[in-house]
Amino acid sequence: MTIYMVQFTYTSEAWAAMIKKPQDRTIPSRDLVQKLGGKLLGLYYSLGKYDGMALFEIPDDISASAVGLAVKASGDMKVNEITRLFTMDEALEAMRKAGSNPFSGPTK
């Protein structure tokens, strides 16, 4: 399975609702990812540009996109960026392939 990272920012309305009635968003997040054949690895809140991030494993990019679209459709997010992550083995494979297929840029 492939691992994805979602960085998110809630709308002010979503924050107002959660402050009024605190809720564990891990449960609906886990349920959504599981319905699409994956596993939620963690949901974290943060300081800075994003309100939080989630890590999940899911079989393919289409399923990952479905997670993002379902969350966006809720209207509770201002930002919902999904990034595909690569294992070190996958990154090494990409480096090897790049090394055996050099590219000549415009300054070479």
N, C-alpha and C. Protein backbone atom coordinates (compact mmCIF):
# COMPACT_ATOMS: atom_id res chain seq x y z
N MET A 1 0.84 -1.18 0.00
CA MET A 1 0.00 0.00 0.00
C MET A 1 0.88 1.24 0.00
N THR A 2 0.33 2.30 -0.51
CA THR A 2 1.04 3.57 -0.60
C THR A 2 0.65 4.46 0.57
N ILE A 3 1.61 5.26 1.05
CA ILE A 3 1.35 6.16 2.17
C ILE A 3 1.15 7.58 1.63
N TYR A 4 0.17 8.27 2.19
CA TYR A 4 -0.14 9.64 1.82
C TYR A 4 -0.17 10.50 3.07
N MET A 5 0.19 11.77 2.89
CA MET A 5 0.10 12.76 3.96
C MET A 5 -0.92 13.81 3.52
N VAL A 6 -1.84 14.13 4.40
CA VAL A 6 -2.80 15.19 4.15
C VAL A 6 -2.50 16.32 5.12
N GLN A 7 -2.31 17.52 4.59
CA GLN A 7 -2.17 18.71 5.42
C GLN A 7 -3.47 19.49 5.27
N PHE A 8 -4.05 19.88 6.41
CA PHE A 8 -5.38 20.50 6.33
C PHE A 8 -5.49 21.74 7.19
N THR A 9 -6.44 22.58 6.80
CA THR A 9 -6.81 23.77 7.56
C THR A 9 -8.33 23.84 7.58
N TYR A 10 -8.88 23.91 8.77
CA TYR A 10 -10.34 23.99 8.93
C TYR A 10 -10.85 25.40 8.63
N THR A 11 -12.12 25.50 8.28
CA THR A 11 -12.78 26.80 8.17
C THR A 11 -13.02 27.34 9.58
N SER A 12 -13.27 28.62 9.69
CA SER A 12 -13.55 29.19 11.01
C SER A 12 -14.85 28.61 11.58
N GLU A 13 -15.80 28.28 10.71
CA GLU A 13 -17.05 27.67 11.17
C GLU A 13 -16.81 26.29 11.78
N ALA A 14 -15.91 25.52 11.16
CA ALA A 14 -15.60 24.19 11.70
C ALA A 14 -14.93 24.32 13.06
N TRP A 15 -13.99 25.28 13.19
CA TRP A 15 -13.35 25.48 14.49
C TRP A 15 -14.36 25.91 15.54
N ALA A 16 -15.28 26.81 15.18
CA ALA A 16 -16.29 27.25 16.14
C ALA A 16 -17.12 26.08 16.63
N ALA A 17 -17.51 25.19 15.72
CA ALA A 17 -18.31 24.02 16.11
C ALA A 17 -17.52 23.09 17.02
N MET A 18 -16.21 22.88 16.72
CA MET A 18 -15.41 21.96 17.54
C MET A 18 -15.06 22.57 18.89
N ILE A 19 -14.93 23.89 18.95
CA ILE A 19 -14.67 24.53 20.25
C ILE A 19 -15.92 24.46 21.13
N LYS A 20 -17.08 24.65 20.49
CA LYS A 20 -18.34 24.57 21.23
C LYS A 20 -18.60 23.14 21.72
N LYS A 21 -18.30 22.18 20.86
CA LYS A 21 -18.51 20.77 21.18
C LYS A 21 -17.28 19.99 20.70
N PRO A 22 -16.24 19.87 21.56
CA PRO A 22 -15.03 19.16 21.15
C PRO A 22 -15.34 17.73 20.69
N GLN A 23 -14.64 17.33 19.64
CA GLN A 23 -14.87 15.99 19.09
C GLN A 23 -13.59 15.40 18.54
N ASP A 24 -13.49 14.10 18.62
CA ASP A 24 -12.32 13.37 18.12
C ASP A 24 -12.53 13.10 16.63
N ARG A 25 -11.84 13.84 15.77
CA ARG A 25 -11.99 13.69 14.33
C ARG A 25 -11.26 12.46 13.78
N THR A 26 -10.53 11.77 14.66
CA THR A 26 -9.86 10.54 14.25
C THR A 26 -10.87 9.49 13.80
N ILE A 27 -11.99 9.41 14.50
CA ILE A 27 -12.97 8.36 14.23
C ILE A 27 -13.57 8.48 12.83
N PRO A 28 -14.13 9.63 12.44
CA PRO A 28 -14.67 9.72 11.08
C PRO A 28 -13.58 9.65 10.01
N SER A 29 -12.39 10.14 10.32
CA SER A 29 -11.28 10.06 9.36
C SER A 29 -10.89 8.60 9.13
N ARG A 30 -10.77 7.85 10.22
CA ARG A 30 -10.43 6.42 10.13
C ARG A 30 -11.49 5.67 9.35
N ASP A 31 -12.76 5.96 9.64
CA ASP A 31 -13.85 5.26 8.97
C ASP A 31 -13.84 5.51 7.46
N LEU A 32 -13.61 6.77 7.06
CA LEU A 32 -13.57 7.10 5.64
C LEU A 32 -12.45 6.35 4.94
N VAL A 33 -11.26 6.40 5.50
CA VAL A 33 -10.11 5.74 4.89
C VAL A 33 -10.33 4.22 4.81
N GLN A 34 -10.89 3.64 5.86
CA GLN A 34 -11.16 2.19 5.86
C GLN A 34 -12.18 1.81 4.79
N LYS A 35 -13.22 2.62 4.62
CA LYS A 35 -14.23 2.32 3.59
C LYS A 35 -13.62 2.31 2.19
N LEU A 36 -12.54 3.04 2.01
CA LEU A 36 -11.88 3.10 0.71
C LEU A 36 -10.69 2.14 0.62
N GLY A 37 -10.62 1.21 1.57
CA GLY A 37 -9.62 0.14 1.51
C GLY A 37 -8.29 0.45 2.16
N GLY A 38 -8.24 1.49 2.98
CA GLY A 38 -6.97 1.89 3.58
C GLY A 38 -6.96 1.83 5.08
N LYS A 39 -5.92 2.43 5.65
CA LYS A 39 -5.73 2.45 7.10
C LYS A 39 -5.19 3.82 7.51
N LEU A 40 -5.85 4.46 8.47
CA LEU A 40 -5.38 5.72 9.02
C LEU A 40 -4.20 5.42 9.95
N LEU A 41 -3.06 6.03 9.71
CA LEU A 41 -1.88 5.80 10.54
C LEU A 41 -1.77 6.81 11.67
N GLY A 42 -2.36 7.98 11.49
CA GLY A 42 -2.32 8.99 12.54
C GLY A 42 -2.96 10.28 12.10
N LEU A 43 -3.52 11.00 13.06
CA LEU A 43 -4.11 12.31 12.83
C LEU A 43 -3.53 13.23 13.88
N TYR A 44 -2.95 14.33 13.45
CA TYR A 44 -2.23 15.22 14.35
C TYR A 44 -2.67 16.66 14.12
N TYR A 45 -2.75 17.44 15.18
CA TYR A 45 -2.99 18.88 15.08
C TYR A 45 -1.64 19.55 15.24
N SER A 46 -1.51 20.76 14.66
CA SER A 46 -0.20 21.40 14.66
C SER A 46 -0.32 22.92 14.76
N LEU A 47 0.80 23.55 15.04
CA LEU A 47 0.93 24.99 15.00
C LEU A 47 1.52 25.34 13.64
N GLY A 48 1.23 26.51 13.14
CA GLY A 48 1.85 26.92 11.89
C GLY A 48 0.86 27.08 10.76
N LYS A 49 1.33 26.87 9.55
CA LYS A 49 0.55 27.10 8.33
C LYS A 49 -0.70 26.22 8.27
N TYR A 50 -0.60 24.99 8.74
CA TYR A 50 -1.73 24.05 8.68
C TYR A 50 -2.25 23.78 10.09
N ASP A 51 -3.54 23.49 10.17
CA ASP A 51 -4.13 23.13 11.46
C ASP A 51 -3.73 21.72 11.88
N GLY A 52 -3.42 20.89 10.91
CA GLY A 52 -3.03 19.53 11.23
C GLY A 52 -2.64 18.74 10.01
N MET A 53 -2.34 17.47 10.27
CA MET A 53 -2.00 16.55 9.19
C MET A 53 -2.39 15.14 9.57
N ALA A 54 -2.62 14.35 8.53
CA ALA A 54 -2.96 12.94 8.72
C ALA A 54 -2.07 12.11 7.82
N LEU A 55 -1.75 10.93 8.27
CA LEU A 55 -1.03 9.95 7.46
C LEU A 55 -1.93 8.75 7.28
N PHE A 56 -2.03 8.26 6.05
CA PHE A 56 -2.82 7.06 5.82
C PHE A 56 -2.22 6.23 4.70
N GLU A 57 -2.48 4.92 4.76
CA GLU A 57 -2.10 3.99 3.71
C GLU A 57 -3.36 3.66 2.93
N ILE A 58 -3.22 3.59 1.63
CA ILE A 58 -4.37 3.25 0.79
C ILE A 58 -3.82 2.64 -0.49
N PRO A 59 -4.60 1.80 -1.18
CA PRO A 59 -4.05 1.04 -2.31
C PRO A 59 -3.55 1.85 -3.51
N ASP A 60 -4.17 3.00 -3.81
CA ASP A 60 -3.79 3.67 -5.06
C ASP A 60 -4.16 5.15 -5.03
N ASP A 61 -3.68 5.86 -6.05
CA ASP A 61 -3.92 7.31 -6.13
C ASP A 61 -5.41 7.65 -6.28
N ILE A 62 -6.16 6.83 -6.97
CA ILE A 62 -7.59 7.10 -7.15
C ILE A 62 -8.31 7.06 -5.80
N SER A 63 -7.98 6.07 -4.99
CA SER A 63 -8.59 5.97 -3.65
C SER A 63 -8.15 7.13 -2.77
N ALA A 64 -6.89 7.54 -2.88
CA ALA A 64 -6.40 8.69 -2.11
C ALA A 64 -7.14 9.95 -2.54
N SER A 65 -7.34 10.09 -3.84
CA SER A 65 -8.08 11.24 -4.35
C SER A 65 -9.51 11.24 -3.84
N ALA A 66 -10.12 10.06 -3.76
CA ALA A 66 -11.48 9.95 -3.24
C ALA A 66 -11.55 10.41 -1.79
N VAL A 67 -10.53 10.10 -0.99
CA VAL A 67 -10.49 10.59 0.39
C VAL A 67 -10.51 12.11 0.39
N GLY A 68 -9.63 12.71 -0.41
CA GLY A 68 -9.56 14.16 -0.47
C GLY A 68 -10.85 14.80 -0.94
N LEU A 69 -11.45 14.23 -1.98
CA LEU A 69 -12.70 14.78 -2.50
C LEU A 69 -13.83 14.68 -1.50
N ALA A 70 -13.92 13.56 -0.79
CA ALA A 70 -14.98 13.38 0.21
C ALA A 70 -14.83 14.42 1.32
N VAL A 71 -13.60 14.65 1.75
CA VAL A 71 -13.37 15.63 2.82
C VAL A 71 -13.67 17.04 2.31
N LYS A 72 -13.21 17.38 1.11
CA LYS A 72 -13.50 18.70 0.54
C LYS A 72 -14.99 18.94 0.40
N ALA A 73 -15.73 17.91 0.02
CA ALA A 73 -17.17 18.04 -0.17
C ALA A 73 -17.91 18.38 1.12
N SER A 74 -17.28 18.08 2.26
CA SER A 74 -17.93 18.40 3.55
C SER A 74 -18.03 19.90 3.77
N GLY A 75 -17.15 20.67 3.12
CA GLY A 75 -17.16 22.12 3.27
C GLY A 75 -16.48 22.62 4.53
N ASP A 76 -15.87 21.73 5.32
CA ASP A 76 -15.26 22.11 6.59
C ASP A 76 -13.78 22.45 6.49
N MET A 77 -13.21 22.32 5.29
CA MET A 77 -11.78 22.57 5.12
C MET A 77 -11.53 23.73 4.18
N LYS A 78 -10.56 24.58 4.54
CA LYS A 78 -10.09 25.62 3.63
C LYS A 78 -8.98 25.05 2.75
N VAL A 79 -8.16 24.21 3.33
CA VAL A 79 -7.03 23.59 2.63
C VAL A 79 -7.05 22.10 2.93
N ASN A 80 -6.80 21.32 1.92
CA ASN A 80 -6.74 19.87 2.08
C ASN A 80 -5.78 19.34 1.02
N GLU A 81 -4.48 19.43 1.31
CA GLU A 81 -3.44 19.02 0.36
C GLU A 81 -3.03 17.58 0.63
N ILE A 82 -3.02 16.77 -0.41
CA ILE A 82 -2.59 15.39 -0.28
C ILE A 82 -1.25 15.23 -0.99
N THR A 83 -0.30 14.61 -0.30
CA THR A 83 1.02 14.36 -0.85
C THR A 83 1.30 12.87 -0.78
N ARG A 84 1.68 12.29 -1.92
CA ARG A 84 2.09 10.89 -1.92
C ARG A 84 3.49 10.81 -1.35
N LEU A 85 3.71 9.92 -0.41
CA LEU A 85 5.02 9.73 0.19
C LEU A 85 5.67 8.47 -0.37
N PHE A 86 6.99 8.49 -0.44
CA PHE A 86 7.74 7.35 -0.96
C PHE A 86 8.61 6.77 0.15
N THR A 87 8.68 5.46 0.20
CA THR A 87 9.58 4.81 1.15
C THR A 87 11.02 5.06 0.69
N MET A 88 11.98 4.80 1.55
CA MET A 88 13.37 4.97 1.16
C MET A 88 13.71 4.04 0.00
N ASP A 89 13.20 2.81 0.02
CA ASP A 89 13.46 1.88 -1.10
C ASP A 89 12.93 2.44 -2.41
N GLU A 90 11.73 3.02 -2.38
CA GLU A 90 11.16 3.62 -3.59
C GLU A 90 11.98 4.81 -4.06
N ALA A 91 12.44 5.64 -3.11
CA ALA A 91 13.26 6.80 -3.46
C ALA A 91 14.58 6.35 -4.08
N LEU A 92 15.19 5.31 -3.51
CA LEU A 92 16.45 4.80 -4.07
C LEU A 92 16.24 4.26 -5.48
N GLU A 93 15.14 3.57 -5.70
CA GLU A 93 14.83 3.06 -7.04
C GLU A 93 14.69 4.21 -8.03
N ALA A 94 14.01 5.28 -7.62
CA ALA A 94 13.85 6.45 -8.49
C ALA A 94 15.21 7.08 -8.79
N MET A 95 16.08 7.17 -7.78
CA MET A 95 17.41 7.74 -7.99
C MET A 95 18.22 6.90 -8.96
N ARG A 96 18.14 5.58 -8.82
CA ARG A 96 18.86 4.69 -9.74
C ARG A 96 18.36 4.86 -11.17
N LYS A 97 17.04 4.91 -11.32
CA LYS A 97 16.47 5.10 -12.67
C LYS A 97 16.89 6.44 -13.25
N ALA A 98 16.88 7.48 -12.43
CA ALA A 98 17.30 8.80 -12.90
C ALA A 98 18.78 8.79 -13.29
N GLY A 99 19.59 8.08 -12.50
CA GLY A 99 21.02 8.00 -12.78
C GLY A 99 21.34 7.27 -14.08
N SER A 100 20.50 6.32 -14.45
CA SER A 100 20.74 5.57 -15.68
C SER A 100 20.04 6.19 -16.88
N ASN A 101 19.36 7.31 -16.66
CA ASN A 101 18.66 8.02 -17.74
C ASN A 101 18.94 9.52 -17.61
N PRO A 102 20.20 9.93 -17.86
CA PRO A 102 20.53 11.34 -17.68
C PRO A 102 19.75 12.26 -18.64
N PHE A 103 19.57 13.47 -18.19
CA PHE A 103 18.86 14.47 -18.96
C PHE A 103 19.78 15.65 -19.23
N SER A 104 19.81 16.11 -20.44
CA SER A 104 20.65 17.25 -20.79
C SER A 104 19.81 18.51 -20.74
N GLY A 105 20.08 19.34 -19.75
CA GLY A 105 19.33 20.60 -19.60
C GLY A 105 19.81 21.66 -20.60
N PRO A 106 19.15 22.79 -20.62
CA PRO A 106 19.47 23.82 -21.60
C PRO A 106 20.83 24.46 -21.41
N THR A 107 21.44 24.33 -20.23
CA THR A 107 22.76 24.95 -19.99
C THR A 107 23.90 23.98 -20.18
N LYS A 108 23.65 22.78 -20.58
CA LYS A 108 24.70 21.76 -20.75
C LYS A 108 25.11 21.66 -22.21
